[in-house]
Structures are given as structure tokens and as C-alpha cells.
N, C-alpha and C. Protein backbone atom coordinates (compact mmCIF):
# COMPACT_ATOMS: atom_id res chain seq x y z
N UNK A 1 141.10 52.92 191.09
CA UNK A 1 140.14 53.30 190.05
C UNK A 1 138.87 52.46 190.09
N UNK A 2 138.96 51.24 190.65
CA UNK A 2 137.79 50.38 190.68
C UNK A 2 136.60 51.03 191.41
N UNK A 3 136.80 51.66 192.57
CA UNK A 3 135.65 52.31 193.21
C UNK A 3 135.04 53.43 192.36
N UNK A 4 135.87 54.11 191.60
CA UNK A 4 135.36 55.18 190.73
C UNK A 4 134.45 54.59 189.64
N UNK A 5 134.81 53.41 189.14
CA UNK A 5 133.96 52.77 188.13
C UNK A 5 132.61 52.43 188.75
N UNK A 6 132.61 51.93 189.98
CA UNK A 6 131.35 51.64 190.66
C UNK A 6 130.51 52.89 190.84
N UNK A 7 131.15 53.97 191.23
CA UNK A 7 130.44 55.24 191.40
C UNK A 7 129.92 55.75 190.05
N UNK A 8 130.73 55.64 189.01
CA UNK A 8 130.30 56.07 187.67
C UNK A 8 129.12 55.22 187.18
N UNK A 9 129.12 53.94 187.50
CA UNK A 9 128.01 53.06 187.13
C UNK A 9 126.72 53.53 187.80
N UNK A 10 126.80 53.84 189.09
CA UNK A 10 125.61 54.30 189.81
C UNK A 10 125.15 55.68 189.32
N UNK A 11 126.11 56.54 189.01
CA UNK A 11 125.79 57.85 188.42
C UNK A 11 125.07 57.65 187.08
N UNK A 12 125.50 56.65 186.32
CA UNK A 12 124.87 56.36 185.03
C UNK A 12 123.39 56.00 185.22
N UNK A 13 123.07 55.29 186.31
CA UNK A 13 121.66 55.00 186.58
C UNK A 13 120.88 56.29 186.82
N UNK A 14 121.48 57.25 187.47
CA UNK A 14 120.83 58.54 187.68
C UNK A 14 120.59 59.24 186.34
N UNK A 15 121.59 59.19 185.47
CA UNK A 15 121.45 59.77 184.13
C UNK A 15 120.32 59.07 183.38
N UNK A 16 120.27 57.75 183.47
CA UNK A 16 119.20 57.00 182.81
C UNK A 16 117.83 57.48 183.31
N UNK A 17 117.71 57.64 184.61
CA UNK A 17 116.46 58.09 185.20
C UNK A 17 116.09 59.49 184.69
N UNK A 18 117.06 60.40 184.73
CA UNK A 18 116.79 61.78 184.31
C UNK A 18 116.38 61.87 182.84
N UNK A 19 116.93 60.99 182.01
CA UNK A 19 116.67 61.07 180.58
C UNK A 19 115.54 60.16 180.12
N UNK A 20 114.89 59.50 181.06
CA UNK A 20 113.70 58.72 180.72
C UNK A 20 113.94 57.33 180.17
N UNK A 21 115.11 56.77 180.39
CA UNK A 21 115.32 55.38 179.99
C UNK A 21 114.39 54.53 180.84
N UNK A 22 113.58 53.68 180.22
CA UNK A 22 112.60 52.93 181.00
C UNK A 22 113.24 52.00 182.02
N UNK A 23 112.71 52.03 183.25
CA UNK A 23 113.20 51.15 184.30
C UNK A 23 112.84 49.72 183.92
N UNK A 24 113.77 48.79 184.08
CA UNK A 24 113.52 47.42 183.65
C UNK A 24 112.43 46.73 184.49
N UNK A 25 111.66 45.90 183.82
CA UNK A 25 110.58 45.17 184.50
C UNK A 25 110.78 43.66 184.42
N UNK A 26 111.93 43.24 183.93
CA UNK A 26 112.27 41.82 183.88
C UNK A 26 113.78 41.69 184.01
N UNK A 27 114.23 40.48 184.31
CA UNK A 27 115.67 40.28 184.44
C UNK A 27 116.39 40.55 183.12
N UNK A 28 115.81 40.13 182.01
CA UNK A 28 116.48 40.35 180.73
C UNK A 28 116.56 41.84 180.40
N UNK A 29 115.51 42.60 180.72
CA UNK A 29 115.55 44.05 180.50
C UNK A 29 116.55 44.70 181.45
N UNK A 30 116.66 44.16 182.64
CA UNK A 30 117.60 44.70 183.62
C UNK A 30 119.04 44.54 183.15
N UNK A 31 119.33 43.45 182.49
CA UNK A 31 120.69 43.22 181.99
C UNK A 31 121.08 44.31 181.00
N UNK A 32 120.17 44.66 180.09
CA UNK A 32 120.43 45.72 179.12
C UNK A 32 120.63 47.06 179.85
N UNK A 33 119.78 47.33 180.82
CA UNK A 33 119.85 48.56 181.62
C UNK A 33 121.20 48.65 182.34
N UNK A 34 121.62 47.55 182.95
CA UNK A 34 122.89 47.51 183.67
C UNK A 34 124.07 47.62 182.71
N UNK A 35 123.96 46.98 181.54
CA UNK A 35 125.05 47.08 180.58
C UNK A 35 125.22 48.51 180.08
N UNK A 36 124.12 49.23 179.92
CA UNK A 36 124.25 50.62 179.52
C UNK A 36 124.98 51.42 180.61
N UNK A 37 124.67 51.13 181.86
CA UNK A 37 125.37 51.82 182.96
C UNK A 37 126.86 51.46 182.94
N UNK A 38 127.19 50.22 182.64
CA UNK A 38 128.61 49.84 182.52
C UNK A 38 129.26 50.58 181.36
N UNK A 39 128.52 50.73 180.26
CA UNK A 39 129.03 51.47 179.11
C UNK A 39 129.34 52.92 179.49
N UNK A 40 128.41 53.54 180.20
CA UNK A 40 128.63 54.93 180.61
C UNK A 40 129.79 55.06 181.60
N UNK A 41 129.99 54.05 182.43
CA UNK A 41 131.15 54.11 183.32
C UNK A 41 132.43 54.01 182.50
N UNK A 42 132.42 53.23 181.43
CA UNK A 42 133.58 53.19 180.53
C UNK A 42 133.81 54.53 179.87
N UNK A 43 132.73 55.21 179.49
CA UNK A 43 132.86 56.55 178.89
C UNK A 43 133.47 57.53 179.88
N UNK A 44 133.11 57.39 181.16
CA UNK A 44 133.71 58.27 182.16
C UNK A 44 135.20 57.98 182.31
N UNK A 45 135.58 56.71 182.31
CA UNK A 45 137.00 56.38 182.42
C UNK A 45 137.75 56.91 181.20
N UNK A 46 137.14 56.88 180.04
CA UNK A 46 137.75 57.50 178.85
C UNK A 46 138.02 58.98 179.12
N UNK A 47 137.03 59.67 179.67
CA UNK A 47 137.15 61.08 180.03
C UNK A 47 138.32 61.27 181.01
N UNK A 48 138.40 60.41 182.01
CA UNK A 48 139.47 60.49 183.01
C UNK A 48 140.84 60.25 182.37
N UNK A 49 140.92 59.29 181.45
CA UNK A 49 142.18 59.02 180.75
C UNK A 49 142.62 60.24 179.94
N UNK A 50 141.68 60.84 179.24
CA UNK A 50 142.01 62.00 178.41
C UNK A 50 142.57 63.15 179.23
N UNK A 51 142.20 63.20 180.48
CA UNK A 51 142.68 64.26 181.36
C UNK A 51 143.90 63.86 182.19
N UNK A 52 144.36 62.64 182.01
CA UNK A 52 145.55 62.19 182.72
C UNK A 52 145.32 61.89 184.19
N UNK A 53 144.10 61.54 184.55
CA UNK A 53 143.76 61.30 185.96
C UNK A 53 144.07 59.89 186.43
N UNK A 54 144.39 58.98 185.53
CA UNK A 54 144.58 57.58 185.91
C UNK A 54 146.05 57.23 186.11
N UNK A 55 146.26 56.26 186.97
CA UNK A 55 147.59 55.70 187.21
C UNK A 55 147.81 54.54 186.25
N UNK A 56 149.07 54.15 186.02
CA UNK A 56 149.34 53.08 185.04
C UNK A 56 148.62 51.75 185.31
N UNK A 57 148.42 51.38 186.57
CA UNK A 57 147.79 50.08 186.85
C UNK A 57 146.28 50.17 187.04
N UNK A 58 145.70 51.33 186.84
CA UNK A 58 144.26 51.49 187.07
C UNK A 58 143.42 50.60 186.16
N UNK A 59 143.81 50.45 184.91
CA UNK A 59 143.01 49.63 184.01
C UNK A 59 143.03 48.16 184.43
N UNK A 60 144.14 47.69 184.99
CA UNK A 60 144.18 46.33 185.52
C UNK A 60 143.22 46.18 186.68
N UNK A 61 143.17 47.17 187.57
CA UNK A 61 142.25 47.15 188.70
C UNK A 61 140.80 47.11 188.21
N UNK A 62 140.50 47.89 187.21
CA UNK A 62 139.15 47.94 186.66
C UNK A 62 138.78 46.60 186.04
N UNK A 63 139.70 46.00 185.30
CA UNK A 63 139.45 44.68 184.71
C UNK A 63 139.15 43.64 185.78
N UNK A 64 139.88 43.70 186.88
CA UNK A 64 139.63 42.78 187.98
C UNK A 64 138.26 43.00 188.60
N UNK A 65 137.88 44.24 188.74
CA UNK A 65 136.55 44.56 189.29
C UNK A 65 135.46 43.99 188.41
N UNK A 66 135.54 44.22 187.12
CA UNK A 66 134.49 43.74 186.21
C UNK A 66 134.40 42.21 186.22
N UNK A 67 135.54 41.53 186.33
CA UNK A 67 135.54 40.07 186.39
C UNK A 67 134.86 39.57 187.66
N UNK A 68 135.16 40.21 188.78
CA UNK A 68 134.60 39.78 190.06
C UNK A 68 133.10 40.03 190.13
N UNK A 69 132.67 41.23 189.78
CA UNK A 69 131.24 41.53 189.92
C UNK A 69 130.40 40.78 188.89
N UNK A 70 130.93 40.56 187.72
CA UNK A 70 130.19 39.82 186.70
C UNK A 70 130.08 38.34 187.03
N UNK A 71 131.06 37.79 187.73
CA UNK A 71 131.04 36.36 188.04
C UNK A 71 130.10 36.04 189.20
N UNK A 72 129.60 37.03 189.87
CA UNK A 72 128.71 36.81 191.02
C UNK A 72 127.26 36.56 190.59
N UNK A 73 126.97 36.70 189.34
CA UNK A 73 125.61 36.51 188.86
C UNK A 73 125.31 35.02 188.70
N UNK A 74 124.12 34.63 189.12
CA UNK A 74 123.68 33.25 189.00
C UNK A 74 122.63 33.08 187.93
N UNK A 75 121.87 31.99 187.98
CA UNK A 75 120.89 31.71 186.93
C UNK A 75 119.79 32.76 186.79
N UNK A 76 119.39 33.40 187.87
CA UNK A 76 118.35 34.44 187.79
C UNK A 76 118.94 35.82 187.69
N UNK A 77 120.05 35.91 187.01
CA UNK A 77 120.83 37.15 186.99
C UNK A 77 120.06 38.34 186.46
N UNK A 78 120.42 39.51 186.98
CA UNK A 78 119.81 40.76 186.52
C UNK A 78 120.87 41.77 186.11
N UNK A 79 122.12 41.34 186.06
CA UNK A 79 123.24 42.12 185.54
C UNK A 79 123.92 41.24 184.49
N UNK A 80 124.78 41.83 183.71
CA UNK A 80 125.48 41.07 182.69
C UNK A 80 126.52 40.12 183.28
N UNK A 81 126.93 39.15 182.48
CA UNK A 81 128.03 38.28 182.87
C UNK A 81 129.31 39.12 182.86
N UNK A 82 130.39 38.52 183.34
CA UNK A 82 131.66 39.24 183.34
C UNK A 82 132.03 39.70 181.93
N UNK A 83 131.85 38.84 180.94
CA UNK A 83 132.22 39.23 179.58
C UNK A 83 131.27 40.29 179.02
N UNK A 84 129.98 40.20 179.32
CA UNK A 84 129.04 41.22 178.87
C UNK A 84 129.36 42.58 179.50
N UNK A 85 129.67 42.55 180.78
CA UNK A 85 129.97 43.81 181.46
C UNK A 85 131.27 44.42 180.93
N UNK A 86 132.25 43.57 180.65
CA UNK A 86 133.50 44.07 180.10
C UNK A 86 133.28 44.66 178.71
N UNK A 87 132.49 43.97 177.87
CA UNK A 87 132.22 44.50 176.53
C UNK A 87 131.50 45.84 176.60
N UNK A 88 130.53 45.96 177.50
CA UNK A 88 129.80 47.22 177.63
C UNK A 88 130.74 48.33 178.10
N UNK A 89 131.56 48.04 179.09
CA UNK A 89 132.52 49.01 179.60
C UNK A 89 133.49 49.42 178.49
N UNK A 90 134.00 48.44 177.75
CA UNK A 90 134.96 48.72 176.68
C UNK A 90 134.34 49.52 175.55
N UNK A 91 133.05 49.33 175.28
CA UNK A 91 132.37 50.13 174.26
C UNK A 91 132.41 51.60 174.65
N UNK A 92 132.06 51.90 175.89
CA UNK A 92 132.11 53.28 176.37
C UNK A 92 133.53 53.82 176.41
N UNK A 93 134.47 52.99 176.81
CA UNK A 93 135.87 53.39 176.87
C UNK A 93 136.41 53.72 175.48
N UNK A 94 136.09 52.89 174.51
CA UNK A 94 136.61 53.07 173.16
C UNK A 94 135.90 54.18 172.39
N UNK A 95 134.59 54.31 172.60
CA UNK A 95 133.81 55.18 171.72
C UNK A 95 133.08 56.32 172.41
N UNK A 96 133.11 56.39 173.73
CA UNK A 96 132.47 57.48 174.45
C UNK A 96 130.98 57.24 174.70
N UNK A 97 130.38 58.19 175.36
CA UNK A 97 128.99 58.06 175.83
C UNK A 97 127.99 57.89 174.68
N UNK A 98 128.24 58.49 173.55
CA UNK A 98 127.32 58.38 172.43
C UNK A 98 127.09 56.91 172.04
N UNK A 99 128.13 56.10 172.14
CA UNK A 99 128.01 54.68 171.79
C UNK A 99 127.05 53.94 172.72
N UNK A 100 126.84 54.45 173.91
CA UNK A 100 125.97 53.79 174.88
C UNK A 100 124.50 53.90 174.50
N UNK A 101 124.18 54.73 173.53
CA UNK A 101 122.81 54.80 173.01
C UNK A 101 122.40 53.48 172.36
N UNK A 102 123.35 52.65 172.00
CA UNK A 102 123.05 51.37 171.35
C UNK A 102 122.15 50.49 172.23
N UNK A 103 122.20 50.68 173.52
CA UNK A 103 121.40 49.84 174.42
C UNK A 103 119.93 50.23 174.43
N UNK A 104 119.63 51.48 174.27
CA UNK A 104 118.26 51.99 174.22
C UNK A 104 118.18 53.07 173.15
N UNK A 105 118.23 52.68 171.88
CA UNK A 105 118.25 53.70 170.82
C UNK A 105 117.01 54.59 170.80
N UNK A 106 115.89 54.09 171.30
CA UNK A 106 114.67 54.90 171.31
C UNK A 106 114.67 55.94 172.44
N UNK A 107 115.61 55.82 173.37
CA UNK A 107 115.77 56.77 174.49
C UNK A 107 117.23 57.22 174.55
N UNK A 108 117.70 57.99 173.57
CA UNK A 108 119.13 58.34 173.53
C UNK A 108 119.56 59.18 174.73
N UNK A 109 120.77 58.90 175.17
CA UNK A 109 121.36 59.65 176.27
C UNK A 109 121.94 60.97 175.81
N UNK A 110 122.38 60.99 174.57
CA UNK A 110 123.00 62.19 174.03
C UNK A 110 122.39 62.49 172.68
């Protein structure tokens, strides 16, 4: 399931582009942009869960992925920390895509 989360994250960037979410122009703006993409990937995994597409250990794999990719950020980071990325993903997982509007309320996705 971890590769699917990565693909869903990149798809979320395409959605952001199509819907006019402003492209980030600073590292701090980029973190918000990336967190919204993580949120949307969580919303997709929610969709997959509702349809019974996931295996029992998939959520553990996803948790490991988020920990690894979030820990790779250094002082000039442009993505969220592991905990920020997990929170964003869990927001989408728990509440669906509509909750991801919290990152850019002036440019709603839905």
C-alpha cells in the first residue's frame, strides 16, 4: 500500500494544479502544499478501505512510509516532518477529502 500512497500524493498535486491551489514560493508555503497532498492521499486510502481494497497490514506499511519520508527532511525542509505528514494523512483518512480544504480554505478542493 505504501507505493499507492506515494502515487496518491502525486495525484493530489495534479488536483491542486487543476483547481488553482497556488504553487508554493517558499519552503514554509511548500510544507502546507505538501501536507495538503498528504491529506488527500489519506482521503484516497479512506476510499480504498471503504471498498475493501486493503490488506490487514497495509496501514502498518503506510505508517512506516510516512515515518521514513518525513524523517529525511533537514533544516531547509520543504515537506512536513514525519509527525506533520502523519497528521495530514490521518486527517484525510478520518474525515475525507473535504477536510483537506483546511490547508487552503481560500482555494477549496471540493
